Amino acid sequence: EVYSIDEAFLDLKGVMKLNQFSVDLRTRVGKWTGI
């Protein structure tokens, strides 16, 4: 759910390793966009 220009909610139902998933996602966004 895109909540605003700089925020989004994600449904992580079914994701097992929540912390690792979040760390990897954060790294990917930073690497691909610089944000």
Full PDB file with SEQRES, HELIX, SHEET, SSBOND, CRYST1, ORIGX, SCALE, CONECT and MASTER records, all heavy atoms in Angstrom:
SEQRES   1 A   35  GLU VAL TYR SER ILE ASP GLU ALA PHE LEU ASP LEU LYS          
SEQRES   2 A   35  GLY VAL MET LYS LEU ASN GLN PHE SER VAL ASP LEU ARG          
SEQRES   3 A   35  THR ARG VAL GLY LYS TRP THR GLY ILE                          
HELIX    1 AA1 LEU A   18  THR A   33  1                                  16    
SHEET    1 AA1 2 VAL A   2  SER A   4  0                                        
SHEET    2 AA1 2 GLU A   7  ALA A   8 -1                                        
CRYST1    1.000    1.000    1.000  90.00  90.00  90.00 P 1           1          
ORIGX1      1.000000  0.000000  0.000000        0.00000                         
ORIGX2      0.000000  1.000000  0.000000        0.00000                         
ORIGX3      0.000000  0.000000  1.000000        0.00000                         
SCALE1      1.000000  0.000000  0.000000        0.00000                         
SCALE2      0.000000  1.000000  0.000000        0.00000                         
SCALE3      0.000000  0.000000  1.000000        0.00000                         
ATOM      1  N   GLU A   1       0.870  -1.181   0.000  1.00  0.00           N  
ATOM      2  CA  GLU A   1       0.000   0.000   0.000  1.00  0.00           C  
ATOM      3  C   GLU A   1       0.904   1.227   0.000  1.00  0.00           C  
ATOM      4  O   GLU A   1       1.621   1.464   0.969  1.00  0.00           O  
ATOM      5  CB  GLU A   1      -0.903   0.034   1.231  1.00  0.00           C  
ATOM      6  CG  GLU A   1      -1.724   1.328   1.329  1.00  0.00           C  
ATOM      7  CD  GLU A   1      -2.396   1.511   2.678  1.00  0.00           C  
ATOM      8  OE1 GLU A   1      -2.678   0.501   3.349  1.00  0.00           O  
ATOM      9  OE2 GLU A   1      -2.644   2.677   3.060  1.00  0.00           O  
ATOM     10  N   VAL A   2       0.886   1.976  -1.084  1.00  0.00           N  
ATOM     11  CA  VAL A   2       1.660   3.215  -1.152  1.00  0.00           C  
ATOM     12  C   VAL A   2       0.912   4.250  -0.333  1.00  0.00           C  
ATOM     13  O   VAL A   2      -0.160   4.711  -0.717  1.00  0.00           O  
ATOM     14  CB  VAL A   2       1.841   3.682  -2.608  1.00  0.00           C  
ATOM     15  CG1 VAL A   2       2.620   4.993  -2.643  1.00  0.00           C  
ATOM     16  CG2 VAL A   2       2.567   2.617  -3.422  1.00  0.00           C  
ATOM     17  N   TYR A   3       1.485   4.612   0.807  1.00  0.00           N  
ATOM     18  CA  TYR A   3       0.796   5.488   1.751  1.00  0.00           C  
ATOM     19  C   TYR A   3       1.032   6.967   1.445  1.00  0.00           C  
ATOM     20  O   TYR A   3       0.145   7.795   1.631  1.00  0.00           O  
ATOM     21  CB  TYR A   3       1.252   5.157   3.171  1.00  0.00           C  
ATOM     22  CG  TYR A   3       0.544   5.945   4.245  1.00  0.00           C  
ATOM     23  CD1 TYR A   3      -0.823   5.761   4.480  1.00  0.00           C  
ATOM     24  CD2 TYR A   3       1.227   6.877   5.017  1.00  0.00           C  
ATOM     25  CE1 TYR A   3      -1.476   6.481   5.460  1.00  0.00           C  
ATOM     26  CE2 TYR A   3       0.575   7.600   6.000  1.00  0.00           C  
ATOM     27  CZ  TYR A   3      -0.767   7.409   6.222  1.00  0.00           C  
ATOM     28  OH  TYR A   3      -1.421   8.128   7.188  1.00  0.00           O  
ATOM     29  N   SER A   4       2.224   7.298   0.984  1.00  0.00           N  
ATOM     30  CA  SER A   4       2.551   8.676   0.619  1.00  0.00           C  
ATOM     31  C   SER A   4       3.734   8.643  -0.333  1.00  0.00           C  
ATOM     32  O   SER A   4       4.186   7.560  -0.733  1.00  0.00           O  
ATOM     33  CB  SER A   4       2.894   9.511   1.865  1.00  0.00           C  
ATOM     34  OG  SER A   4       4.106   9.075   2.441  1.00  0.00           O  
ATOM     35  N   ILE A   5       4.252   9.800  -0.691  1.00  0.00           N  
ATOM     36  CA  ILE A   5       5.352   9.857  -1.647  1.00  0.00           C  
ATOM     37  C   ILE A   5       6.593   9.153  -1.114  1.00  0.00           C  
ATOM     38  O   ILE A   5       7.422   8.657  -1.887  1.00  0.00           O  
ATOM     39  CB  ILE A   5       5.685  11.326  -2.018  1.00  0.00           C  
ATOM     40  CG1 ILE A   5       6.633  11.387  -3.220  1.00  0.00           C  
ATOM     41  CG2 ILE A   5       6.266  12.076  -0.823  1.00  0.00           C  
ATOM     42  CD1 ILE A   5       6.849  12.774  -3.757  1.00  0.00           C  
ATOM     43  N   ASP A   6       6.725   9.056   0.220  1.00  0.00           N  
ATOM     44  CA  ASP A   6       7.941   8.450   0.785  1.00  0.00           C  
ATOM     45  C   ASP A   6       7.659   7.328   1.790  1.00  0.00           C  
ATOM     46  O   ASP A   6       8.547   6.920   2.528  1.00  0.00           O  
ATOM     47  CB  ASP A   6       8.809   9.521   1.449  1.00  0.00           C  
ATOM     48  CG  ASP A   6       8.106  10.219   2.610  1.00  0.00           C  
ATOM     49  OD1 ASP A   6       6.888  10.033   2.756  1.00  0.00           O  
ATOM     50  OD2 ASP A   6       8.783  10.941   3.365  1.00  0.00           O  
ATOM     51  N   GLU A   7       6.435   6.802   1.810  1.00  0.00           N  
ATOM     52  CA  GLU A   7       6.077   5.743   2.749  1.00  0.00           C  
ATOM     53  C   GLU A   7       5.236   4.673   2.065  1.00  0.00           C  
ATOM     54  O   GLU A   7       4.414   4.978   1.200  1.00  0.00           O  
ATOM     55  CB  GLU A   7       5.264   6.294   3.920  1.00  0.00           C  
ATOM     56  CG  GLU A   7       6.021   7.163   4.893  1.00  0.00           C  
ATOM     57  CD  GLU A   7       5.105   7.665   5.994  1.00  0.00           C  
ATOM     58  OE1 GLU A   7       4.277   8.552   5.720  1.00  0.00           O  
ATOM     59  OE2 GLU A   7       5.203   7.154   7.127  1.00  0.00           O  
ATOM     60  N   ALA A   8       5.421   3.442   2.506  1.00  0.00           N  
ATOM     61  CA  ALA A   8       4.595   2.342   2.005  1.00  0.00           C  
ATOM     62  C   ALA A   8       4.474   1.261   3.069  1.00  0.00           C  
ATOM     63  O   ALA A   8       5.435   0.959   3.791  1.00  0.00           O  
ATOM     64  CB  ALA A   8       5.188   1.751   0.733  1.00  0.00           C  
ATOM     65  N   PHE A   9       3.267   0.689   3.175  1.00  0.00           N  
ATOM     66  CA  PHE A   9       3.047  -0.464   4.035  1.00  0.00           C  
ATOM     67  C   PHE A   9       3.192  -1.732   3.189  1.00  0.00           C  
ATOM     68  O   PHE A   9       2.704  -1.776   2.055  1.00  0.00           O  
ATOM     69  CB  PHE A   9       1.649  -0.433   4.650  1.00  0.00           C  
ATOM     70  CG  PHE A   9       1.466   0.593   5.733  1.00  0.00           C  
ATOM     71  CD1 PHE A   9       0.783   1.776   5.474  1.00  0.00           C  
ATOM     72  CD2 PHE A   9       1.973   0.379   7.006  1.00  0.00           C  
ATOM     73  CE1 PHE A   9       0.603   2.728   6.457  1.00  0.00           C  
ATOM     74  CE2 PHE A   9       1.799   1.328   8.006  1.00  0.00           C  
ATOM     75  CZ  PHE A   9       1.114   2.505   7.740  1.00  0.00           C  
ATOM     76  N   LEU A  10       3.838  -2.748   3.759  1.00  0.00           N  
ATOM     77  CA  LEU A  10       3.992  -4.030   3.074  1.00  0.00           C  
ATOM     78  C   LEU A  10       3.331  -5.126   3.899  1.00  0.00           C  
ATOM     79  O   LEU A  10       3.459  -5.153   5.136  1.00  0.00           O  
ATOM     80  CB  LEU A  10       5.474  -4.376   2.887  1.00  0.00           C  
ATOM     81  CG  LEU A  10       6.386  -3.314   2.246  1.00  0.00           C  
ATOM     82  CD1 LEU A  10       7.807  -3.860   2.138  1.00  0.00           C  
ATOM     83  CD2 LEU A  10       5.866  -2.904   0.887  1.00  0.00           C  
ATOM     84  N   ASP A  11       2.633  -6.026   3.234  1.00  0.00           N  
ATOM     85  CA  ASP A  11       2.070  -7.205   3.888  1.00  0.00           C  
ATOM     86  C   ASP A  11       3.108  -8.324   3.780  1.00  0.00           C  
ATOM     87  O   ASP A  11       3.408  -8.794   2.681  1.00  0.00           O  
ATOM     88  CB  ASP A  11       0.769  -7.613   3.199  1.00  0.00           C  
ATOM     89  CG  ASP A  11       0.075  -8.762   3.925  1.00  0.00           C  
ATOM     90  OD1 ASP A  11       0.681  -9.342   4.845  1.00  0.00           O  
ATOM     91  OD2 ASP A  11      -1.073  -9.077   3.565  1.00  0.00           O  
ATOM     92  N   LEU A  12       3.665  -8.732   4.912  1.00  0.00           N  
ATOM     93  CA  LEU A  12       4.736  -9.738   4.913  1.00  0.00           C  
ATOM     94  C   LEU A  12       4.221 -11.125   5.285  1.00  0.00           C  
ATOM     95  O   LEU A  12       4.968 -11.961   5.792  1.00  0.00           O  
ATOM     96  CB  LEU A  12       5.848  -9.311   5.879  1.00  0.00           C  
ATOM     97  CG  LEU A  12       6.500  -7.958   5.587  1.00  0.00           C  
ATOM     98  CD1 LEU A  12       7.701  -7.745   6.496  1.00  0.00           C  
ATOM     99  CD2 LEU A  12       6.917  -7.846   4.130  1.00  0.00           C  
ATOM    100  N   LYS A  13       2.948 -11.351   5.030  1.00  0.00           N  
ATOM    101  CA  LYS A  13       2.370 -12.669   5.299  1.00  0.00           C  
ATOM    102  C   LYS A  13       3.119 -13.730   4.495  1.00  0.00           C  
ATOM    103  O   LYS A  13       3.300 -13.613   3.281  1.00  0.00           O  
ATOM    104  CB  LYS A  13       0.890 -12.669   4.915  1.00  0.00           C  
ATOM    105  CG  LYS A  13       0.168 -13.974   5.240  1.00  0.00           C  
ATOM    106  CD  LYS A  13      -1.307 -13.881   4.870  1.00  0.00           C  
ATOM    107  CE  LYS A  13      -2.036 -15.171   5.214  1.00  0.00           C  
ATOM    108  NZ  LYS A  13      -3.481 -15.082   4.846  1.00  0.00           N  
ATOM    109  N   GLY A  14       3.562 -14.753   5.184  1.00  0.00           N  
ATOM    110  CA  GLY A  14       4.277 -15.837   4.517  1.00  0.00           C  
ATOM    111  C   GLY A  14       5.782 -15.677   4.516  1.00  0.00           C  
ATOM    112  O   GLY A  14       6.509 -16.620   4.170  1.00  0.00           O  
ATOM    113  N   VAL A  15       6.276 -14.503   4.875  1.00  0.00           N  
ATOM    114  CA  VAL A  15       7.723 -14.282   4.939  1.00  0.00           C  
ATOM    115  C   VAL A  15       8.247 -14.896   6.236  1.00  0.00           C  
ATOM    116  O   VAL A  15       7.784 -14.557   7.326  1.00  0.00           O  
ATOM    117  CB  VAL A  15       8.062 -12.775   4.885  1.00  0.00           C  
ATOM    118  CG1 VAL A  15       9.564 -12.572   5.040  1.00  0.00           C  
ATOM    119  CG2 VAL A  15       7.570 -12.173   3.573  1.00  0.00           C  
ATOM    120  N   MET A  16       9.227 -15.774   6.138  1.00  0.00           N  
ATOM    121  CA  MET A  16       9.711 -16.511   7.300  1.00  0.00           C  
ATOM    122  C   MET A  16      10.756 -15.716   8.085  1.00  0.00           C  
ATOM    123  O   MET A  16      10.596 -15.469   9.272  1.00  0.00           O  
ATOM    124  CB  MET A  16      10.288 -17.864   6.858  1.00  0.00           C  
ATOM    125  CG  MET A  16       9.281 -18.751   6.122  1.00  0.00           C  
ATOM    126  SD  MET A  16       7.815 -19.126   7.129  1.00  0.00           S  
ATOM    127  CE  MET A  16       8.546 -20.101   8.423  1.00  0.00           C  
ATOM    128  N   LYS A  17      11.826 -15.328   7.435  1.00  0.00           N  
ATOM    129  CA  LYS A  17      12.914 -14.609   8.103  1.00  0.00           C  
ATOM    130  C   LYS A  17      12.692 -13.105   7.948  1.00  0.00           C  
ATOM    131  O   LYS A  17      13.243 -12.454   7.056  1.00  0.00           O  
ATOM    132  CB  LYS A  17      14.259 -15.032   7.518  1.00  0.00           C  
ATOM    133  CG  LYS A  17      14.554 -16.518   7.699  1.00  0.00           C  
ATOM    134  CD  LYS A  17      15.895 -16.901   7.100  1.00  0.00           C  
ATOM    135  CE  LYS A  17      16.200 -18.380   7.305  1.00  0.00           C  
ATOM    136  NZ  LYS A  17      17.507 -18.759   6.693  1.00  0.00           N  
ATOM    137  N   LEU A  18      11.861 -12.557   8.835  1.00  0.00           N  
ATOM    138  CA  LEU A  18      11.420 -11.165   8.703  1.00  0.00           C  
ATOM    139  C   LEU A  18      12.567 -10.172   8.784  1.00  0.00           C  
ATOM    140  O   LEU A  18      12.639  -9.227   7.991  1.00  0.00           O  
ATOM    141  CB  LEU A  18      10.375 -10.859   9.781  1.00  0.00           C  
ATOM    142  CG  LEU A  18       9.028 -11.568   9.636  1.00  0.00           C  
ATOM    143  CD1 LEU A  18       8.208 -11.412  10.917  1.00  0.00           C  
ATOM    144  CD2 LEU A  18       8.263 -11.001   8.446  1.00  0.00           C  
ATOM    145  N   ASN A  19      13.464 -10.362   9.737  1.00  0.00           N  
ATOM    146  CA  ASN A  19      14.563  -9.405   9.916  1.00  0.00           C  
ATOM    147  C   ASN A  19      15.499  -9.421   8.712  1.00  0.00           C  
ATOM    148  O   ASN A  19      15.877  -8.360   8.191  1.00  0.00           O  
ATOM    149  CB  ASN A  19      15.332  -9.713  11.195  1.00  0.00           C  
ATOM    150  CG  ASN A  19      16.201  -8.544  11.638  1.00  0.00           C  
ATOM    151  OD1 ASN A  19      15.698  -7.548  12.155  1.00  0.00           O  
ATOM    152  ND2 ASN A  19      17.502  -8.645  11.421  1.00  0.00           N  
ATOM    153  N   GLN A  20      15.868 -10.616   8.262  1.00  0.00           N  
ATOM    154  CA  GLN A  20      16.773 -10.725   7.123  1.00  0.00           C  
ATOM    155  C   GLN A  20      16.119 -10.193   5.852  1.00  0.00           C  
ATOM    156  O   GLN A  20      16.766  -9.515   5.039  1.00  0.00           O  
ATOM    157  CB  GLN A  20      17.189 -12.188   6.917  1.00  0.00           C  
ATOM    158  CG  GLN A  20      18.298 -12.376   5.881  1.00  0.00           C  
ATOM    159  CD  GLN A  20      19.565 -11.635   6.249  1.00  0.00           C  
ATOM    160  OE1 GLN A  20      20.050 -11.748   7.376  1.00  0.00           O  
ATOM    161  NE2 GLN A  20      20.091 -10.848   5.330  1.00  0.00           N  
ATOM    162  N   PHE A  21      14.829 -10.490   5.683  1.00  0.00           N  
ATOM    163  CA  PHE A  21      14.086  -9.966   4.532  1.00  0.00           C  
ATOM    164  C   PHE A  21      14.129  -8.442   4.518  1.00  0.00           C  
ATOM    165  O   PHE A  21      14.365  -7.818   3.479  1.00  0.00           O  
ATOM    166  CB  PHE A  21      12.638 -10.454   4.579  1.00  0.00           C  
ATOM    167  CG  PHE A  21      11.748  -9.837   3.540  1.00  0.00           C  
ATOM    168  CD1 PHE A  21      11.643 -10.392   2.271  1.00  0.00           C  
ATOM    169  CD2 PHE A  21      11.014  -8.681   3.823  1.00  0.00           C  
ATOM    170  CE1 PHE A  21      10.815  -9.816   1.306  1.00  0.00           C  
ATOM    171  CE2 PHE A  21      10.197  -8.103   2.870  1.00  0.00           C  
ATOM    172  CZ  PHE A  21      10.096  -8.665   1.605  1.00  0.00           C  
ATOM    173  N   SER A  22      13.909  -7.819   5.685  1.00  0.00           N  
ATOM    174  CA  SER A  22      13.875  -6.360   5.778  1.00  0.00           C  
ATOM    175  C   SER A  22      15.240  -5.750   5.523  1.00  0.00           C  
ATOM    176  O   SER A  22      15.361  -4.736   4.831  1.00  0.00           O  
ATOM    177  CB  SER A  22      13.361  -5.945   7.164  1.00  0.00           C  
ATOM    178  OG  SER A  22      12.073  -6.465   7.402  1.00  0.00           O  
ATOM    179  N   VAL A  23      16.273  -6.382   6.070  1.00  0.00           N  
ATOM    180  CA  VAL A  23      17.638  -5.883   5.850  1.00  0.00           C  
ATOM    181  C   VAL A  23      17.999  -5.958   4.368  1.00  0.00           C  
ATOM    182  O   VAL A  23      18.556  -5.014   3.797  1.00  0.00           O  
ATOM    183  CB  VAL A  23      18.650  -6.681   6.693  1.00  0.00           C  
ATOM    184  CG1 VAL A  23      20.087  -6.332   6.292  1.00  0.00           C  
ATOM    185  CG2 VAL A  23      18.447  -6.401   8.184  1.00  0.00           C  
ATOM    186  N   ASP A  24      17.671  -7.079   3.729  1.00  0.00           N  
ATOM    187  CA  ASP A  24      17.970  -7.249   2.298  1.00  0.00           C  
ATOM    188  C   ASP A  24      17.194  -6.243   1.451  1.00  0.00           C  
ATOM    189  O   ASP A  24      17.733  -5.685   0.486  1.00  0.00           O  
ATOM    190  CB  ASP A  24      17.622  -8.669   1.847  1.00  0.00           C  
ATOM    191  CG  ASP A  24      18.543  -9.712   2.458  1.00  0.00           C  
ATOM    192  OD1 ASP A  24      19.613  -9.325   2.976  1.00  0.00           O  
ATOM    193  OD2 ASP A  24      18.186 -10.918   2.428  1.00  0.00           O  
ATOM    194  N   LEU A  25      15.917  -6.011   1.810  1.00  0.00           N  
ATOM    195  CA  LEU A  25      15.094  -5.060   1.060  1.00  0.00           C  
ATOM    196  C   LEU A  25      15.648  -3.649   1.194  1.00  0.00           C  
ATOM    197  O   LEU A  25      15.723  -2.903   0.209  1.00  0.00           O  
ATOM    198  CB  LEU A  25      13.652  -5.122   1.558  1.00  0.00           C  
ATOM    199  CG  LEU A  25      12.630  -4.238   0.835  1.00  0.00           C  
ATOM    200  CD1 LEU A  25      12.532  -4.626  -0.635  1.00  0.00           C  
ATOM    201  CD2 LEU A  25      11.259  -4.345   1.496  1.00  0.00           C  
ATOM    202  N   ARG A  26      16.030  -3.284   2.399  1.00  0.00           N  
ATOM    203  CA  ARG A  26      16.604  -1.958   2.634  1.00  0.00           C  
ATOM    204  C   ARG A  26      17.898  -1.774   1.823  1.00  0.00           C  
ATOM    205  O   ARG A  26      18.125  -0.718   1.221  1.00  0.00           O  
ATOM    206  CB  ARG A  26      16.889  -1.761   4.117  1.00  0.00           C  
ATOM    207  CG  ARG A  26      17.449  -0.397   4.469  1.00  0.00           C  
ATOM    208  CD  ARG A  26      17.647  -0.266   5.971  1.00  0.00           C  
ATOM    209  NE  ARG A  26      18.069   1.077   6.325  1.00  0.00           N  
ATOM    210  CZ  ARG A  26      19.342   1.466   6.382  1.00  0.00           C  
ATOM    211  NH1 ARG A  26      20.306   0.594   6.113  1.00  0.00           N  
ATOM    212  NH2 ARG A  26      19.638   2.708   6.703  1.00  0.00           N  
ATOM    213  N   THR A  27      18.724  -2.810   1.805  1.00  0.00           N  
ATOM    214  CA  THR A  27      19.974  -2.749   1.045  1.00  0.00           C  
ATOM    215  C   THR A  27      19.699  -2.592  -0.441  1.00  0.00           C  
ATOM    216  O   THR A  27      20.359  -1.808  -1.137  1.00  0.00           O  
ATOM    217  CB  THR A  27      20.805  -4.023   1.294  1.00  0.00           C  
ATOM    218  OG1 THR A  27      21.077  -4.137   2.702  1.00  0.00           O  
ATOM    219  CG2 THR A  27      22.118  -3.967   0.531  1.00  0.00           C  
ATOM    220  N   ARG A  28      18.706  -3.332  -0.937  1.00  0.00           N  
ATOM    221  CA  ARG A  28      18.375  -3.276  -2.366  1.00  0.00           C  
ATOM    222  C   ARG A  28      17.883  -1.888  -2.764  1.00  0.00           C  
ATOM    223  O   ARG A  28      18.298  -1.348  -3.790  1.00  0.00           O  
ATOM    224  CB  ARG A  28      17.310  -4.329  -2.682  1.00  0.00           C  
ATOM    225  CG  ARG A  28      17.102  -4.575  -4.183  1.00  0.00           C  
ATOM    226  CD  ARG A  28      16.027  -5.609  -4.420  1.00  0.00           C  
ATOM    227  NE  ARG A  28      16.227  -6.773  -3.572  1.00  0.00           N  
ATOM    228  CZ  ARG A  28      15.279  -7.344  -2.843  1.00  0.00           C  
ATOM    229  NH1 ARG A  28      14.051  -6.857  -2.848  1.00  0.00           N  
ATOM    230  NH2 ARG A  28      15.547  -8.407  -2.111  1.00  0.00           N  
ATOM    231  N   VAL A  29      17.005  -1.295  -1.963  1.00  0.00           N  
ATOM    232  CA  VAL A  29      16.501   0.051  -2.275  1.00  0.00           C  
ATOM    233  C   VAL A  29      17.644   1.058  -2.285  1.00  0.00           C  
ATOM    234  O   VAL A  29      17.760   1.887  -3.189  1.00  0.00           O  
ATOM    235  CB  VAL A  29      15.426   0.481  -1.256  1.00  0.00           C  
ATOM    236  CG1 VAL A  29      15.052   1.949  -1.457  1.00  0.00           C  
ATOM    237  CG2 VAL A  29      14.184  -0.385  -1.383  1.00  0.00           C  
ATOM    238  N   GLY A  30      18.523   0.975  -1.285  1.00  0.00           N  
ATOM    239  CA  GLY A  30      19.649   1.900  -1.220  1.00  0.00           C  
ATOM    240  C   GLY A  30      20.605   1.739  -2.383  1.00  0.00           C  
ATOM    241  O   GLY A  30      21.095   2.727  -2.950  1.00  0.00           O  
ATOM    242  N   LYS A  31      20.859   0.491  -2.775  1.00  0.00           N  
ATOM    243  CA  LYS A  31      21.803   0.221  -3.861  1.00  0.00           C  
ATOM    244  C   LYS A  31      21.243   0.624  -5.212  1.00  0.00           C  
ATOM    245  O   LYS A  31      21.961   1.153  -6.070  1.00  0.00           O  
ATOM    246  CB  LYS A  31      22.157  -1.270  -3.859  1.00  0.00           C  
ATOM    247  CG  LYS A  31      23.259  -1.652  -4.830  1.00  0.00           C  
ATOM    248  CD  LYS A  31      23.631  -3.123  -4.676  1.00  0.00           C  
ATOM    249  CE  LYS A  31      24.772  -3.512  -5.627  1.00  0.00           C  
ATOM    250  NZ  LYS A  31      25.143  -4.948  -5.462  1.00  0.00           N  
ATOM    251  N   TRP A  32      19.957   0.398  -5.440  1.00  0.00           N  
ATOM    252  CA  TRP A  32      19.363   0.641  -6.752  1.00  0.00           C  
ATOM    253  C   TRP A  32      18.888   2.082  -6.951  1.00  0.00           C  
ATOM    254  O   TRP A  32      18.737   2.527  -8.093  1.00  0.00           O  
ATOM    255  CB  TRP A  32      18.203  -0.315  -6.987  1.00  0.00           C  
ATOM    256  CG  TRP A  32      18.632  -1.747  -7.145  1.00  0.00           C  
ATOM    257  CD1 TRP A  32      19.901  -2.250  -7.036  1.00  0.00           C  
ATOM    258  CD2 TRP A  32      17.796  -2.872  -7.432  1.00  0.00           C  
ATOM    259  NE1 TRP A  32      19.916  -3.599  -7.222  1.00  0.00           N  
ATOM    260  CE2 TRP A  32      18.634  -4.022  -7.474  1.00  0.00           C  
ATOM    261  CE3 TRP A  32      16.442  -3.035  -7.639  1.00  0.00           C  
ATOM    262  CZ2 TRP A  32      18.140  -5.304  -7.731  1.00  0.00           C  
ATOM    263  CZ3 TRP A  32      15.940  -4.314  -7.893  1.00  0.00           C  
ATOM    264  CH2 TRP A  32      16.779  -5.429  -7.944  1.00  0.00           C  
ATOM    265  N   THR A  33      18.610   2.793  -5.862  1.00  0.00           N  
ATOM    266  CA  THR A  33      18.103   4.164  -6.016  1.00  0.00           C  
ATOM    267  C   THR A  33      18.956   5.216  -5.314  1.00  0.00           C  
ATOM    268  O   THR A  33      18.864   6.393  -5.640  1.00  0.00           O  
ATOM    269  CB  THR A  33      16.668   4.286  -5.450  1.00  0.00           C  
ATOM    270  OG1 THR A  33      16.703   4.119  -4.022  1.00  0.00           O  
ATOM    271  CG2 THR A  33      15.738   3.261  -6.072  1.00  0.00           C  
ATOM    272  N   GLY A  34      19.751   4.807  -4.334  1.00  0.00           N  
ATOM    273  CA  GLY A  34      20.526   5.774  -3.567  1.00  0.00           C  
ATOM    274  C   GLY A  34      19.751   6.396  -2.423  1.00  0.00           C  
ATOM    275  O   GLY A  34      20.263   7.269  -1.720  1.00  0.00           O  
ATOM    276  N   ILE A  35      18.505   5.952  -2.223  1.00  0.00           N  
ATOM    277  CA  ILE A  35      17.649   6.513  -1.165  1.00  0.00           C  
ATOM    278  C   ILE A  35      17.720   5.627   0.079  1.00  0.00           C  
ATOM    279  O   ILE A  35      17.379   4.442   0.014  1.00  0.00           O  
ATOM    280  CB  ILE A  35      16.182   6.618  -1.633  1.00  0.00           C  
ATOM    281  CG1 ILE A  35      16.070   7.505  -2.873  1.00  0.00           C  
ATOM    282  CG2 ILE A  35      15.301   7.168  -0.505  1.00  0.00           C  
ATOM    283  CD1 ILE A  35      16.448   8.949  -2.659  1.00  0.00           C  
TER     284      ILE A  35                                                      
MASTER        0    0    0    1    2    0    0    6  283    1    0    3          
END                                                                             
